[in-house]
Amino acid sequence: MTTEKIKQVHKENYGVYGARKVYAALNRAGHRVARCTVERLMRRTGLHGVRRAKGPRTTVPGPLSERPADLVRRQFTAPAPNCLWVADI
């Protein structure tokens, strides 16, 4: 009975509601159920809300052969103005 109500609420909201919102909608409708029960039943039936976060995206360096030569040997200080120019593309 509870699983059918969870599926109905999830379907009525275009499949974007997660366990927290399904739990709130069921309680507003008068069907008292615990949030952990909603989470467990949704997991069991394969229902989930929209997942917006994609996770961190980090830079993956390419092969060493494609990098330009290090002409300043990682020393970015110059003895005088206009002696060393460094740019990042």
Protein backbone atom coordinates (compact mmCIF):
# COMPACT_ATOMS: atom_id res chain seq x y z
CA MET A 1 0.00 0.00 0.00
CA THR A 2 2.72 2.49 0.94
CA THR A 3 4.81 1.60 -2.09
CA GLU A 4 1.91 2.36 -4.41
CA LYS A 5 1.39 5.75 -2.77
CA ILE A 6 5.10 6.54 -3.09
CA LYS A 7 5.05 5.59 -6.78
CA GLN A 8 1.93 7.71 -7.31
CA VAL A 9 3.43 10.82 -5.64
CA HIS A 10 6.69 10.33 -7.54
CA LYS A 11 4.85 9.97 -10.87
CA GLU A 12 2.57 12.96 -10.22
CA ASN A 13 5.64 15.13 -9.73
CA TYR A 14 7.24 14.06 -13.02
CA GLY A 15 9.75 11.76 -11.32
CA VAL A 16 11.82 14.60 -9.91
CA TYR A 17 10.92 14.24 -6.22
CA GLY A 18 13.42 12.54 -3.98
CA ALA A 19 12.71 10.78 -0.70
CA ARG A 20 12.55 14.00 1.33
CA LYS A 21 9.89 15.62 -0.84
CA VAL A 22 7.91 12.41 -1.30
CA TYR A 23 7.91 12.04 2.49
CA ALA A 24 6.64 15.61 2.91
CA ALA A 25 3.94 15.16 0.25
CA LEU A 26 2.69 11.94 1.85
CA ASN A 27 2.51 13.53 5.29
CA ARG A 28 0.66 16.57 3.88
CA ALA A 29 -1.84 14.19 2.30
CA GLY A 30 -2.45 12.57 5.68
CA HIS A 31 -0.54 9.33 5.07
CA ARG A 32 1.79 9.19 8.09
CA VAL A 33 5.02 7.41 7.25
CA ALA A 34 8.63 7.76 8.43
CA ARG A 35 11.22 9.33 6.14
CA CYS A 36 13.55 6.35 6.52
CA THR A 37 10.71 4.09 5.35
CA VAL A 38 10.18 6.26 2.27
CA GLU A 39 13.93 6.17 1.55
CA ARG A 40 14.07 2.39 1.91
CA LEU A 41 11.01 1.74 -0.25
CA MET A 42 12.15 4.17 -2.94
CA ARG A 43 15.57 2.51 -3.02
CA ARG A 44 13.95 -0.93 -3.24
CA THR A 45 11.71 0.09 -6.17
CA GLY A 46 14.49 1.97 -7.97
CA LEU A 47 12.92 5.42 -7.63
CA HIS A 48 15.08 8.49 -7.08
CA GLY A 49 14.85 12.22 -7.52
CA VAL A 50 16.73 14.39 -9.95
CA ARG A 51 20.46 14.41 -9.28
CA ARG A 52 21.76 17.85 -10.06
CA ALA A 53 25.31 17.75 -8.74
CA LYS A 54 27.83 16.39 -11.20
CA GLY A 55 30.70 16.24 -8.72
CA PRO A 56 34.03 17.99 -8.85
CA ARG A 57 35.73 18.22 -12.21
CA THR A 58 39.50 18.36 -12.04
CA THR A 59 42.09 19.02 -14.68
CA VAL A 60 43.65 15.93 -16.17
CA PRO A 61 47.13 16.68 -17.56
CA GLY A 62 47.98 15.45 -21.00
CA PRO A 63 51.09 13.49 -21.95
CA LEU A 64 54.44 15.10 -21.10
CA SER A 65 55.46 15.31 -24.76
CA GLU A 66 52.77 17.92 -25.54
CA ARG A 67 53.95 20.48 -22.97
CA PRO A 68 56.12 23.41 -24.06
CA ALA A 69 59.63 23.77 -22.68
CA ASP A 70 60.10 25.51 -19.32
CA LEU A 71 62.27 28.43 -20.41
CA VAL A 72 62.40 30.15 -17.00
CA ARG A 73 63.08 26.93 -15.04
CA ARG A 74 60.17 27.67 -12.65
CA GLN A 75 61.82 30.89 -11.39
CA PHE A 76 59.28 33.65 -11.83
CA THR A 77 61.28 36.53 -10.35
CA ALA A 78 63.23 38.92 -12.57
CA PRO A 79 66.31 40.92 -11.62
CA ALA A 80 64.90 44.07 -13.23
CA PRO A 81 61.76 45.25 -15.07
CA ASN A 82 61.23 43.90 -18.62
CA CYS A 83 63.77 41.09 -18.18
CA LEU A 84 61.29 38.23 -17.83
CA TRP A 85 57.79 37.95 -19.22
CA VAL A 86 55.57 35.06 -18.16
CA ALA A 87 52.11 34.30 -19.61
CA ASP A 88 49.52 31.61 -19.12
CA ILE A 89 47.34 30.57 -22.03
